[in-house]
C-alpha atoms as a PDB file:
ATOM      1  CA  MET A   1      -0.044  -0.055   0.279  1.00  0.00           C
ATOM      2  CA  ARG A   2       2.888   2.453   0.917  1.00  0.00           C
ATOM      3  CA  HIS A   3       4.205   1.889  -2.789  1.00  0.00           C
ATOM      4  CA  ALA A   4       1.143   2.642  -4.047  1.00  0.00           C
ATOM      5  CA  TRP A   5       0.681   5.625  -2.324  1.00  0.00           C
ATOM      6  CA  LYS A   6       4.359   6.535  -3.688  1.00  0.00           C
ATOM      7  CA  ALA A   7       3.532   6.151  -6.560  1.00  0.00           C
ATOM      8  CA  ILE A   8       0.176   8.249  -6.642  1.00  0.00           C
ATOM      9  CA  ARG A   9       2.380  11.046  -5.170  1.00  0.00           C
ATOM     10  CA  ILE A  10       4.985  10.768  -7.686  1.00  0.00           C
ATOM     11  CA  TRP A  11       2.286  10.828 -10.956  1.00  0.00           C
ATOM     12  CA  SER A  12       0.448  13.763  -9.400  1.00  0.00           C
ATOM     13  CA  GLN A  13       3.832  15.918  -8.961  1.00  0.00           C
ATOM     14  CA  SER A  14       4.927  15.304 -12.181  1.00  0.00           C
ATOM     15  CA  LEU A  15       1.372  16.211 -13.141  1.00  0.00           C
ATOM     16  CA  VAL A  16       1.313  19.232 -11.809  1.00  0.00           C
ATOM     17  CA  ALA A  17       4.801  20.093 -12.822  1.00  0.00           C
ATOM     18  CA  GLY A  18       3.958  19.269 -16.894  1.00  0.00           C
ATOM     19  CA  TRP A  19       0.860  21.057 -16.180  1.00  0.00           C
ATOM     20  CA  ASN A  20       3.062  24.588 -15.082  1.00  0.00           C
ATOM     21  CA  HIS A  21       5.108  23.868 -17.262  1.00  0.00           C
ATOM     22  CA  PHE A  22       2.802  23.874 -20.162  1.00  0.00           C
ATOM     23  CA  TRP A  23       1.215  27.063 -19.334  1.00  0.00           C
ATOM     24  CA  PHE A  24       3.776  29.081 -17.124  1.00  0.00           C
ATOM     25  CA  ALA A  25       7.045  28.055 -18.914  1.00  0.00           C
ATOM     26  CA  ARG A  26       8.883  30.942 -20.614  1.00  0.00           C
ATOM     27  CA  THR A  27       9.154  31.253 -23.967  1.00  0.00           C
ATOM     28  CA  ASP A  28      10.608  33.834 -26.907  1.00  0.00           C
ATOM     29  CA  PRO A  29       7.740  35.788 -28.168  1.00  0.00           C
ATOM     30  CA  ALA A  30       9.094  35.471 -31.901  1.00  0.00           C
ATOM     31  CA  VAL A  31       5.425  33.749 -32.444  1.00  0.00           C
ATOM     32  CA  LEU A  32       3.484  36.195 -30.778  1.00  0.00           C
ATOM     33  CA  CYS A  33       5.392  39.054 -32.550  1.00  0.00           C
ATOM     34  CA  LEU A  34       4.328  37.436 -36.117  1.00  0.00           C
ATOM     35  CA  LEU A  35       0.596  36.885 -34.582  1.00  0.00           C
ATOM     36  CA  ARG A  36       0.083  40.785 -34.158  1.00  0.00           C
ATOM     37  CA  ILE A  37       1.316  41.563 -37.491  1.00  0.00           C
ATOM     38  CA  LEU A  38      -0.742  39.232 -39.172  1.00  0.00           C
ATOM     39  CA  THR A  39      -3.784  39.988 -37.127  1.00  0.00           C
ATOM     40  CA  GLY A  40      -3.095  43.414 -36.878  1.00  0.00           C
ATOM     41  CA  THR A  41      -3.199  43.423 -40.761  1.00  0.00           C
ATOM     42  CA  MET A  42      -5.979  41.292 -40.754  1.00  0.00           C
ATOM     43  CA  LEU A  43      -8.055  43.654 -38.849  1.00  0.00           C
ATOM     44  CA  PHE A  44      -7.001  46.800 -40.647  1.00  0.00           C
ATOM     45  CA  TYR A  45      -8.158  45.093 -44.375  1.00  0.00           C
ATOM     46  CA  MET A  46     -10.826  43.942 -42.680  1.00  0.00           C
ATOM     47  CA  HIS A  47     -12.364  46.803 -41.186  1.00  0.00           C
ATOM     48  CA  LEU A  48     -10.971  49.105 -44.746  1.00  0.00           C
ATOM     49  CA  VAL A  49     -13.403  47.024 -46.724  1.00  0.00           C
ATOM     50  CA  TRP A  50     -16.222  48.784 -44.440  1.00  0.00           C
ATOM     51  CA  THR A  51     -15.144  52.037 -45.755  1.00  0.00           C
ATOM     52  CA  LEU A  52     -16.484  51.050 -49.032  1.00  0.00           C
ATOM     53  CA  ASP A  53     -20.105  51.838 -47.606  1.00  0.00           C
ATOM     54  CA  LEU A  54     -19.652  53.083 -44.169  1.00  0.00           C
ATOM     55  CA  THR A  55     -22.943  55.440 -43.384  1.00  0.00           C
ATOM     56  CA  ALA A  56     -24.748  52.316 -45.080  1.00  0.00           C
ATOM     57  CA  PHE A  57     -23.616  50.131 -42.163  1.00  0.00           C
ATOM     58  CA  PHE A  58     -22.870  52.999 -39.497  1.00  0.00           C
ATOM     59  CA  GLY A  59     -24.465  56.064 -40.028  1.00  0.00           C
ATOM     60  CA  PRO A  60     -27.542  57.891 -39.181  1.00  0.00           C
ATOM     61  CA  GLN A  61     -30.119  55.594 -41.104  1.00  0.00           C
ATOM     62  CA  PRO A  62     -28.003  51.858 -41.692  1.00  0.00           C
ATOM     63  CA  TRP A  63     -29.306  49.012 -42.852  1.00  0.00           C
ATOM     64  CA  LEU A  64     -29.511  47.401 -39.206  1.00  0.00           C
ATOM     65  CA  SER A  65     -30.446  50.230 -36.970  1.00  0.00           C
ATOM     66  CA  VAL A  66     -29.830  50.032 -33.280  1.00  0.00           C
ATOM     67  CA  GLU A  67     -33.237  49.414 -32.319  1.00  0.00           C
ATOM     68  CA  ALA A  68     -34.070  46.554 -34.600  1.00  0.00           C
ATOM     69  CA  LEU A  69     -30.686  45.119 -33.423  1.00  0.00           C
ATOM     70  CA  GLN A  70     -32.023  45.126 -30.105  1.00  0.00           C
ATOM     71  CA  LYS A  71     -35.147  43.450 -30.719  1.00  0.00           C
ATOM     72  CA  VAL A  72     -33.851  40.358 -32.408  1.00  0.00           C
ATOM     73  CA  HIS A  73     -31.207  39.929 -29.264  1.00  0.00           C
ATOM     74  CA  LEU A  74     -34.351  40.027 -27.447  1.00  0.00           C
ATOM     75  CA  ALA A  75     -36.379  37.499 -29.047  1.00  0.00           C
ATOM     76  CA  GLU A  76     -33.322  35.044 -29.103  1.00  0.00           C
ATOM     77  CA  GLY A  77     -33.025  35.506 -25.301  1.00  0.00           C
ATOM     78  CA  SER A  78     -29.504  36.790 -25.545  1.00  0.00           C
ATOM     79  CA  ASN A  79     -27.902  39.694 -24.226  1.00  0.00           C
ATOM     80  CA  TRP A  80     -27.603  42.945 -26.062  1.00  0.00           C
ATOM     81  CA  ALA A  81     -24.082  44.056 -26.306  1.00  0.00           C
ATOM     82  CA  TRP A  82     -23.304  47.719 -26.223  1.00  0.00           C
ATOM     83  CA  SER A  83     -20.862  49.509 -29.376  1.00  0.00           C
ATOM     84  CA  HIS A  84     -19.089  52.863 -29.462  1.00  0.00           C
ATOM     85  CA  LEU A  85     -20.627  53.157 -32.613  1.00  0.00           C
ATOM     86  CA  GLN A  86     -24.376  53.420 -31.267  1.00  0.00           C
ATOM     87  CA  LEU A  87     -23.665  56.763 -29.845  1.00  0.00           C
ATOM     88  CA  ILE A  88     -22.852  58.303 -33.348  1.00  0.00           C
ATOM     89  CA  GLN A  89     -25.257  60.109 -35.507  1.00  0.00           C
ATOM     90  CA  ALA A  90     -23.736  62.363 -37.833  1.00  0.00           C
ATOM     91  CA  PRO A  91     -22.124  61.326 -40.902  1.00  0.00           C
ATOM     92  CA  TRP A  92     -18.713  63.161 -40.785  1.00  0.00           C
ATOM     93  CA  ALA A  93     -18.253  61.512 -36.735  1.00  0.00           C
ATOM     94  CA  VAL A  94     -18.698  58.465 -38.127  1.00  0.00           C
ATOM     95  CA  TRP A  95     -15.943  58.672 -40.648  1.00  0.00           C
ATOM     96  CA  ILE A  96     -13.735  60.389 -37.844  1.00  0.00           C
ATOM     97  CA  VAL A  97     -14.255  57.397 -35.776  1.00  0.00           C
ATOM     98  CA  HIS A  98     -13.656  54.799 -38.479  1.00  0.00           C
ATOM     99  CA  LEU A  99     -10.511  56.119 -39.657  1.00  0.00           C
ATOM    100  CA  ALA A 100      -9.343  56.659 -36.164  1.00  0.00           C
ATOM    101  CA  ALA A 101     -10.083  53.101 -35.899  1.00  0.00           C
ATOM    102  CA  LEU A 102      -7.864  52.241 -38.822  1.00  0.00           C
ATOM    103  CA  THR A 103      -5.158  54.113 -37.439  1.00  0.00           C
ATOM    104  CA  VAL A 104      -5.167  51.825 -34.311  1.00  0.00           C
ATOM    105  CA  PHE A 105      -5.164  48.822 -35.971  1.00  0.00           C
ATOM    106  CA  LEU A 106      -2.479  49.808 -38.604  1.00  0.00           C
ATOM    107  CA  MET A 107      -0.215  50.816 -35.590  1.00  0.00           C
ATOM    108  CA  PHE A 108      -0.988  47.567 -33.717  1.00  0.00           C
ATOM    109  CA  ALA A 109       0.123  45.640 -36.750  1.00  0.00           C
ATOM    110  CA  LEU A 110       3.276  47.871 -36.992  1.00  0.00           C
ATOM    111  CA  GLY A 111       4.011  47.532 -33.395  1.00  0.00           C
ATOM    112  CA  LEU A 112       3.870  51.617 -32.603  1.00  0.00           C
ATOM    113  CA  PHE A 113       2.917  51.888 -28.820  1.00  0.00           C
ATOM    114  CA  SER A 114       2.306  47.612 -28.917  1.00  0.00           C
ATOM    115  CA  ARG A 115       1.052  46.981 -25.617  1.00  0.00           C
ATOM    116  CA  THR A 116      -1.907  50.224 -25.756  1.00  0.00           C
ATOM    117  CA  THR A 117      -2.623  49.341 -29.372  1.00  0.00           C
ATOM    118  CA  ALA A 118      -2.896  45.914 -28.664  1.00  0.00           C
ATOM    119  CA  VAL A 119      -5.730  46.571 -26.139  1.00  0.00           C
ATOM    120  CA  LEU A 120      -7.560  49.438 -28.427  1.00  0.00           C
ATOM    121  CA  SER A 121      -7.491  47.099 -31.567  1.00  0.00           C
ATOM    122  CA  TYR A 122      -9.334  44.166 -29.427  1.00  0.00           C
ATOM    123  CA  LEU A 123     -12.030  46.345 -27.942  1.00  0.00           C
ATOM    124  CA  LEU A 124     -12.437  48.459 -31.516  1.00  0.00           C
ATOM    125  CA  ALA A 125     -13.078  44.972 -32.996  1.00  0.00           C
ATOM    126  CA  VAL A 126     -15.424  43.552 -30.520  1.00  0.00           C
ATOM    127  CA  SER A 127     -17.127  46.778 -30.486  1.00  0.00           C
ATOM    128  CA  TYR A 128     -17.650  46.688 -34.493  1.00  0.00           C
ATOM    129  CA  LEU A 129     -18.508  42.994 -34.099  1.00  0.00           C
ATOM    130  CA  ASN A 130     -21.217  43.622 -31.874  1.00  0.00           C
ATOM    131  CA  ARG A 131     -22.608  46.673 -33.678  1.00  0.00           C
ATOM    132  CA  ILE A 132     -23.282  44.433 -36.727  1.00  0.00           C
ATOM    133  CA  SER A 133     -23.650  41.174 -35.185  1.00  0.00           C
ATOM    134  CA  LEU A 134     -26.475  39.991 -37.602  1.00  0.00           C
ATOM    135  CA  ALA A 135     -23.694  40.402 -40.460  1.00  0.00           C
ATOM    136  CA  GLU A 136     -20.735  39.085 -38.963  1.00  0.00           C
ATOM    137  CA  PHE A 137     -19.057  35.665 -40.052  1.00  0.00           C
ATOM    138  CA  GLY A 138     -16.487  33.052 -38.388  1.00  0.00           C
ATOM    139  CA  LEU A 139     -13.907  35.954 -39.896  1.00  0.00           C
ATOM    140  CA  ASP A 140     -15.013  38.641 -37.670  1.00  0.00           C
ATOM    141  CA  ARG A 141     -14.717  36.128 -34.215  1.00  0.00           C
ATOM    142  CA  ILE A 142     -11.439  34.426 -35.064  1.00  0.00           C
ATOM    143  CA  THR A 143      -9.919  37.682 -35.708  1.00  0.00           C
ATOM    144  CA  VAL A 144     -11.335  38.837 -32.485  1.00  0.00           C
ATOM    145  CA  MET A 145     -10.360  35.547 -30.693  1.00  0.00           C
ATOM    146  CA  LEU A 146      -6.730  36.168 -32.278  1.00  0.00           C
ATOM    147  CA  ALA A 147      -6.354  39.619 -31.219  1.00  0.00           C
ATOM    148  CA  MET A 148      -7.759  39.178 -27.554  1.00  0.00           C
ATOM    149  CA  TYR A 149      -5.380  36.549 -26.776  1.00  0.00           C
ATOM    150  CA  VAL A 150      -2.330  38.368 -28.561  1.00  0.00           C
ATOM    151  CA  MET A 151      -2.671  41.522 -26.884  1.00  0.00           C
ATOM    152  CA  LEU A 152      -1.915  39.750 -23.222  1.00  0.00           C
ATOM    153  CA  GLY A 153       1.930  39.186 -23.750  1.00  0.00           C
ATOM    154  CA  PRO A 154       4.713  41.121 -25.091  1.00  0.00           C
ATOM    155  CA  CYS A 155       3.270  41.540 -28.798  1.00  0.00           C
ATOM    156  CA  GLY A 156       5.829  44.228 -29.761  1.00  0.00           C
ATOM    157  CA  ALA A 157       9.222  42.982 -28.384  1.00  0.00           C
ATOM    158  CA  ARG A 158      10.195  41.643 -31.795  1.00  0.00           C
ATOM    159  CA  TYR A 159       9.340  43.005 -35.430  1.00  0.00           C
ATOM    160  CA  SER A 160       8.310  46.424 -33.953  1.00  0.00           C
ATOM    161  CA  LEU A 161       8.068  50.314 -34.734  1.00  0.00           C
ATOM    162  CA  ASP A 162       8.835  49.918 -30.802  1.00  0.00           C
ATOM    163  CA  ARG A 163      11.915  47.856 -30.980  1.00  0.00           C
ATOM    164  CA  TRP A 164      13.427  50.353 -33.850  1.00  0.00           C
ATOM    165  CA  TRP A 165      12.543  53.039 -31.593  1.00  0.00           C
ATOM    166  CA  ARG A 166      14.628  51.717 -28.828  1.00  0.00           C
ATOM    167  CA  ARG A 167      17.412  51.198 -30.756  1.00  0.00           C
ATOM    168  CA  ARG A 168      17.683  54.743 -32.293  1.00  0.00           C
ATOM    169  CA  ARG A 169      17.504  56.145 -28.431  1.00  0.00           C
ATOM    170  CA  GLY A 170      20.546  53.586 -28.154  1.00  0.00           C
ATOM    171  CA  LEU A 171      18.400  51.113 -25.685  1.00  0.00           C
ATOM    172  CA  PRO A 172      19.683  47.917 -25.721  1.00  0.00           C
ATOM    173  CA  VAL A 173      17.106  45.701 -27.793  1.00  0.00           C
ATOM    174  CA  ASP A 174      19.657  42.876 -28.787  1.00  0.00           C
ATOM    175  CA  ASP A 175      18.673  40.403 -26.025  1.00  0.00           C
ATOM    176  CA  VAL A 176      14.740  40.069 -25.948  1.00  0.00           C
ATOM    177  CA  PRO A 177      13.938  37.533 -22.321  1.00  0.00           C
ATOM    178  CA  PRO A 178      11.902  34.552 -22.733  1.00  0.00           C
ATOM    179  CA  SER A 179       8.615  35.596 -21.471  1.00  0.00           C
ATOM    180  CA  THR A 180       5.789  33.749 -19.455  1.00  0.00           C
ATOM    181  CA  ALA A 181       3.124  35.787 -20.889  1.00  0.00           C
ATOM    182  CA  ALA A 182       3.824  35.042 -24.085  1.00  0.00           C
ATOM    183  CA  ASN A 183       3.751  31.252 -23.436  1.00  0.00           C
ATOM    184  CA  ILE A 184       0.392  31.929 -22.109  1.00  0.00           C
ATOM    185  CA  ALA A 185      -1.052  33.764 -24.960  1.00  0.00           C
ATOM    186  CA  ILE A 186       0.327  31.039 -27.285  1.00  0.00           C
ATOM    187  CA  ARG A 187      -1.222  28.266 -25.208  1.00  0.00           C
ATOM    188  CA  LEU A 188      -4.441  30.284 -25.109  1.00  0.00           C
ATOM    189  CA  ILE A 189      -4.374  30.806 -28.822  1.00  0.00           C
ATOM    190  CA  GLN A 190      -3.649  26.715 -29.867  1.00  0.00           C
ATOM    191  CA  VAL A 191      -6.146  25.507 -26.856  1.00  0.00           C
ATOM    192  CA  HIS A 192      -8.774  27.542 -28.362  1.00  0.00           C
ATOM    193  CA  LEU A 193      -8.288  26.338 -31.945  1.00  0.00           C
ATOM    194  CA  CYS A 194      -8.244  22.918 -30.902  1.00  0.00           C
ATOM    195  CA  VAL A 195     -11.704  23.533 -29.473  1.00  0.00           C
ATOM    196  CA  ILE A 196     -12.754  25.053 -32.696  1.00  0.00           C
ATOM    197  CA  TYR A 197     -11.536  22.190 -34.542  1.00  0.00           C
ATOM    198  CA  PHE A 198     -13.332  19.664 -32.420  1.00  0.00           C
ATOM    199  CA  PHE A 199     -16.698  21.153 -32.439  1.00  0.00           C
ATOM    200  CA  ALA A 200     -16.443  22.037 -35.841  1.00  0.00           C
ATOM    201  CA  GLY A 201     -16.012  17.821 -36.505  1.00  0.00           C
ATOM    202  CA  THR A 202     -18.475  16.628 -34.008  1.00  0.00           C
ATOM    203  CA  ARG A 203     -21.122  19.159 -35.513  1.00  0.00           C
ATOM    204  CA  LYS A 204     -20.332  17.806 -39.029  1.00  0.00           C
ATOM    205  CA  LEU A 205     -21.108  14.184 -37.704  1.00  0.00           C
ATOM    206  CA  MET A 206     -24.705  15.172 -37.120  1.00  0.00           C
ATOM    207  CA  GLY A 207     -25.163  15.680 -41.042  1.00  0.00           C
ATOM    208  CA  GLY A 208     -25.995  12.889 -43.080  1.00  0.00           C
ATOM    209  CA  SER A 209     -24.048  14.298 -46.021  1.00  0.00           C
ATOM    210  CA  TRP A 210     -20.624  13.922 -44.209  1.00  0.00           C
ATOM    211  CA  TRP A 211     -21.353  10.182 -43.258  1.00  0.00           C
ATOM    212  CA  ASP A 212     -21.963   8.847 -47.107  1.00  0.00           C
ATOM    213  CA  GLY A 213     -19.297  11.374 -48.275  1.00  0.00           C
ATOM    214  CA  SER A 214     -21.357  13.589 -50.131  1.00  0.00           C
ATOM    215  CA  ALA A 215     -20.532  16.307 -48.022  1.00  0.00           C
ATOM    216  CA  MET A 216     -17.468  18.119 -50.452  1.00  0.00           C
ATOM    217  CA  TRP A 217     -19.619  17.712 -53.851  1.00  0.00           C
ATOM    218  CA  LEU A 218     -22.543  19.519 -52.053  1.00  0.00           C
ATOM    219  CA  SER A 219     -20.087  22.247 -51.097  1.00  0.00           C
ATOM    220  CA  VAL A 220     -17.988  22.403 -54.673  1.00  0.00           C
ATOM    221  CA  ALA A 221     -21.223  22.635 -56.567  1.00  0.00           C
ATOM    222  CA  ASN A 222     -22.965  25.265 -54.723  1.00  0.00           C
ATOM    223  CA  LEU A 223     -22.861  28.348 -56.878  1.00  0.00           C
ATOM    224  CA  GLU A 224     -23.253  30.400 -54.299  1.00  0.00           C
ATOM    225  CA  TYR A 225     -19.843  29.759 -52.647  1.00  0.00           C
ATOM    226  CA  GLN A 226     -18.269  28.603 -55.808  1.00  0.00           C
ATOM    227  CA  THR A 227     -14.776  30.232 -56.990  1.00  0.00           C
ATOM    228  CA  LEU A 228     -13.581  27.883 -58.784  1.00  0.00           C
ATOM    229  CA  ASP A 229     -15.510  25.369 -61.762  1.00  0.00           C
ATOM    230  CA  LEU A 230     -14.894  22.039 -59.384  1.00  0.00           C
ATOM    231  CA  THR A 231     -17.935  20.087 -61.130  1.00  0.00           C
ATOM    232  CA  TRP A 232     -15.301  17.899 -62.928  1.00  0.00           C
ATOM    233  CA  MET A 233     -15.281  16.386 -59.459  1.00  0.00           C
ATOM    234  CA  ALA A 234     -18.421  14.613 -60.214  1.00  0.00           C
ATOM    235  CA  ARG A 235     -16.410  11.923 -62.049  1.00  0.00           C
ATOM    236  CA  TRP A 236     -14.439  11.198 -59.597  1.00  0.00           C
ATOM    237  CA  PRO A 237     -16.699  10.360 -56.386  1.00  0.00           C
ATOM    238  CA  LEU A 238     -14.195   8.163 -54.385  1.00  0.00           C
ATOM    239  CA  LEU A 239     -12.102  11.323 -54.575  1.00  0.00           C
ATOM    240  CA  VAL A 240     -15.245  13.226 -52.916  1.00  0.00           C
ATOM    241  CA  THR A 241     -15.614  10.785 -50.536  1.00  0.00           C
ATOM    242  CA  PHE A 242     -12.053  10.847 -49.927  1.00  0.00           C
ATOM    243  CA  LEU A 243     -11.909  14.325 -49.283  1.00  0.00           C
ATOM    244  CA  THR A 244     -15.414  14.684 -47.167  1.00  0.00           C
ATOM    245  CA  HIS A 245     -14.126  11.998 -44.841  1.00  0.00           C
ATOM    246  CA  LEU A 246     -10.351  13.337 -44.653  1.00  0.00           C
ATOM    247  CA  THR A 247     -11.802  16.814 -43.552  1.00  0.00           C
ATOM    248  CA  VAL A 248     -14.059  15.026 -40.958  1.00  0.00           C
ATOM    249  CA  TRP A 249     -10.653  13.095 -39.785  1.00  0.00           C
ATOM    250  CA  PHE A 250      -8.829  16.177 -39.691  1.00  0.00           C
ATOM    251  CA  GLU A 251     -11.107  18.074 -37.424  1.00  0.00           C
ATOM    252  CA  LEU A 252     -11.481  15.411 -34.741  1.00  0.00           C
ATOM    253  CA  GLY A 253      -7.853  14.409 -34.807  1.00  0.00           C
ATOM    254  CA  TYR A 254      -6.390  17.752 -35.061  1.00  0.00           C
ATOM    255  CA  ALA A 255      -6.633  18.098 -30.917  1.00  0.00           C
ATOM    256  CA  ALA A 256      -4.713  14.950 -30.235  1.00  0.00           C
ATOM    257  CA  LEU A 257      -2.264  14.926 -33.406  1.00  0.00           C
ATOM    258  CA  ILE A 258      -1.274  18.622 -33.257  1.00  0.00           C
ATOM    259  CA  TRP A 259       0.754  18.341 -29.767  1.00  0.00           C
ATOM    260  CA  PRO A 260       3.150  15.095 -30.774  1.00  0.00           C
ATOM    261  CA  ARG A 261       6.261  16.641 -32.490  1.00  0.00           C
ATOM    262  CA  LEU A 262       5.806  13.694 -35.020  1.00  0.00           C
ATOM    263  CA  THR A 263       2.465  14.544 -35.948  1.00  0.00           C
ATOM    264  CA  ARG A 264       2.418  18.249 -36.160  1.00  0.00           C
ATOM    265  CA  PRO A 265       3.854  18.949 -39.478  1.00  0.00           C
ATOM    266  CA  ILE A 266       0.926  16.500 -41.139  1.00  0.00           C
ATOM    267  CA  MET A 267      -1.395  18.359 -39.160  1.00  0.00           C
ATOM    268  CA  LEU A 268      -0.407  21.825 -40.098  1.00  0.00           C
ATOM    269  CA  MET A 269      -0.106  20.684 -43.774  1.00  0.00           C
ATOM    270  CA  LEU A 270      -3.716  19.528 -43.853  1.00  0.00           C
ATOM    271  CA  ALA A 271      -4.555  22.670 -42.135  1.00  0.00           C
ATOM    272  CA  VAL A 272      -3.212  24.749 -45.053  1.00  0.00           C
ATOM    273  CA  LEU A 273      -4.578  22.428 -47.488  1.00  0.00           C
ATOM    274  CA  THR A 274      -8.177  22.847 -45.948  1.00  0.00           C
ATOM    275  CA  HIS A 275      -7.896  26.152 -45.418  1.00  0.00           C
ATOM    276  CA  LEU A 276      -6.399  27.227 -48.938  1.00  0.00           C
ATOM    277  CA  GLY A 277      -9.065  24.846 -50.302  1.00  0.00           C
ATOM    278  CA  ILE A 278     -11.970  26.794 -48.872  1.00  0.00           C
ATOM    279  CA  ALA A 279     -10.135  30.470 -49.760  1.00  0.00           C
ATOM    280  CA  LEU A 280      -9.648  29.252 -53.747  1.00  0.00           C
ATOM    281  CA  ALA A 281     -12.887  27.030 -54.229  1.00  0.00           C
ATOM    282  CA  LEU A 282     -15.198  28.546 -51.539  1.00  0.00           C
ATOM    283  CA  GLY A 283     -14.998  32.248 -52.044  1.00  0.00           C
ATOM    284  CA  MET A 284     -13.642  32.820 -48.478  1.00  0.00           C
ATOM    285  CA  PRO A 285     -10.042  33.812 -48.738  1.00  0.00           C
ATOM    286  CA  THR A 286      -9.845  35.792 -45.534  1.00  0.00           C
ATOM    287  CA  PHE A 287     -11.702  33.331 -43.363  1.00  0.00           C
ATOM    288  CA  GLY A 288      -8.772  30.408 -44.728  1.00  0.00           C
ATOM    289  CA  LEU A 289      -5.752  33.125 -44.070  1.00  0.00           C
ATOM    290  CA  ALA A 290      -7.532  33.993 -40.436  1.00  0.00           C
ATOM    291  CA  MET A 291      -7.251  30.466 -39.981  1.00  0.00           C
ATOM    292  CA  LEU A 292      -4.250  29.526 -40.984  1.00  0.00           C
ATOM    293  CA  ILE A 293      -2.780  32.792 -38.863  1.00  0.00           C
ATOM    294  CA  ALA A 294      -4.161  30.793 -35.756  1.00  0.00           C
ATOM    295  CA  ASN A 295      -2.425  28.023 -36.780  1.00  0.00           C
ATOM    296  CA  GLY A 296       0.795  30.145 -36.911  1.00  0.00           C
ATOM    297  CA  ALA A 297       0.567  29.643 -33.144  1.00  0.00           C
ATOM    298  CA  PHE A 298       2.205  25.956 -33.088  1.00  0.00           C
ATOM    299  CA  LEU A 299       5.096  27.135 -35.221  1.00  0.00           C
ATOM    300  CA  SER A 300       8.297  27.637 -33.129  1.00  0.00           C
ATOM    301  CA  PRO A 301      10.023  30.822 -32.340  1.00  0.00           C
ATOM    302  CA  GLY A 302      13.342  29.079 -33.652  1.00  0.00           C
ATOM    303  CA  LEU A 303      11.653  28.652 -37.409  1.00  0.00           C
ATOM    304  CA  VAL A 304      10.038  32.126 -37.036  1.00  0.00           C
ATOM    305  CA  ARG A 305      13.483  34.029 -36.264  1.00  0.00           C
ATOM    306  CA  GLY A 306      15.236  31.806 -38.977  1.00  0.00           C
ATOM    307  CA  LEU A 307      12.736  33.245 -41.180  1.00  0.00           C
ATOM    308  CA  LEU A 308      12.574  36.859 -40.139  1.00  0.00           C
ATOM    309  CA  GLU A 309      15.814  37.835 -38.882  1.00  0.00           C
ATOM    310  CA  PRO A 310      19.098  37.112 -41.052  1.00  0.00           C
ATOM    311  CA  ARG A 311      21.298  37.448 -38.056  1.00  0.00           C
ATOM    312  CA  TRP A 312      19.426  34.434 -36.536  1.00  0.00           C
ATOM    313  CA  ARG A 313      19.518  32.342 -39.336  1.00  0.00           C
ATOM    314  CA  LYS A 314      23.214  32.738 -40.026  1.00  0.00           C
ATOM    315  CA  SER A 315      23.509  31.537 -36.756  1.00  0.00           C
ATOM    316  CA  LEU A 316      21.826  28.792 -37.482  1.00  0.00           C
ATOM    317  CA  ALA A 317      23.457  27.613 -40.483  1.00  0.00           C
ATOM    318  CA  PRO A 318      26.102  24.867 -40.135  1.00  0.00           C
ATOM    319  CA  GLN A 319      29.650  26.100 -39.576  1.00  0.00           C
ATOM    320  CA  PRO A 320      32.722  24.921 -41.562  1.00  0.00           C
ATOM    321  CA  ALA A 321      34.879  22.456 -39.856  1.00  0.00           C
END
């Protein structure tokens, strides 16, 4: 019995140590800083698109009024969320506020006053999302999720105007210390992504077309979403069935197979193929790109630094004997 309790105690201690290492280990913020650039750029682009017909969505007489939005939320039994855009009436004020938001998103992407613009970017993205909640898509939710987690860590420690400005002032910038906050932010993105894929996969299991293998054909043959003509797949029913079941397998297995180093490259490759397929064939390039940005959380800091920092890439190169 004493040996059994000792084994349980050792197992419990290793479990706690593993948990603490997973969440609270220090890591190089290179990956987080890359995600800041990509997320900020996506936020800037998404909200720049609103500029094409800004007052129609956020002006004094929008297509979706605040009153109608409140009634819809009350009918659905959900709480109505506040947005600063509800307070704006004059068209000139809408433009000023919108241009200010675009400036914040651009500063966030460039890494200027990173810690402040990261928080402001998240709050602004949520505010826009709340104002047009009946016109939002998965893209909006993914980018808001990324902005929320990126702001938790030192997202401007690398690849930012903040770092360039510190160098210009003669401050030490060569050594960026590993950060617990950066690790927590990356882990939250990784776990959240696993949850998204798992529930996407289980949701598909509720549809008969994913069981009989026809779901992929129903998607590519839908003219509403069709970008490329893939109707030739009708002559290859086995390929359609294979791609349908591969999609479900990928989403259900992602949460388990993305963590081991042996299977992680395979899952990331499947993620690239899946979301590039969505982007190119189903007319949703921005959503596919946002999901690939989220998958970037599983890249290693060494790989990111090797790609973005010439000096680091040179240090990784094999030295002559």
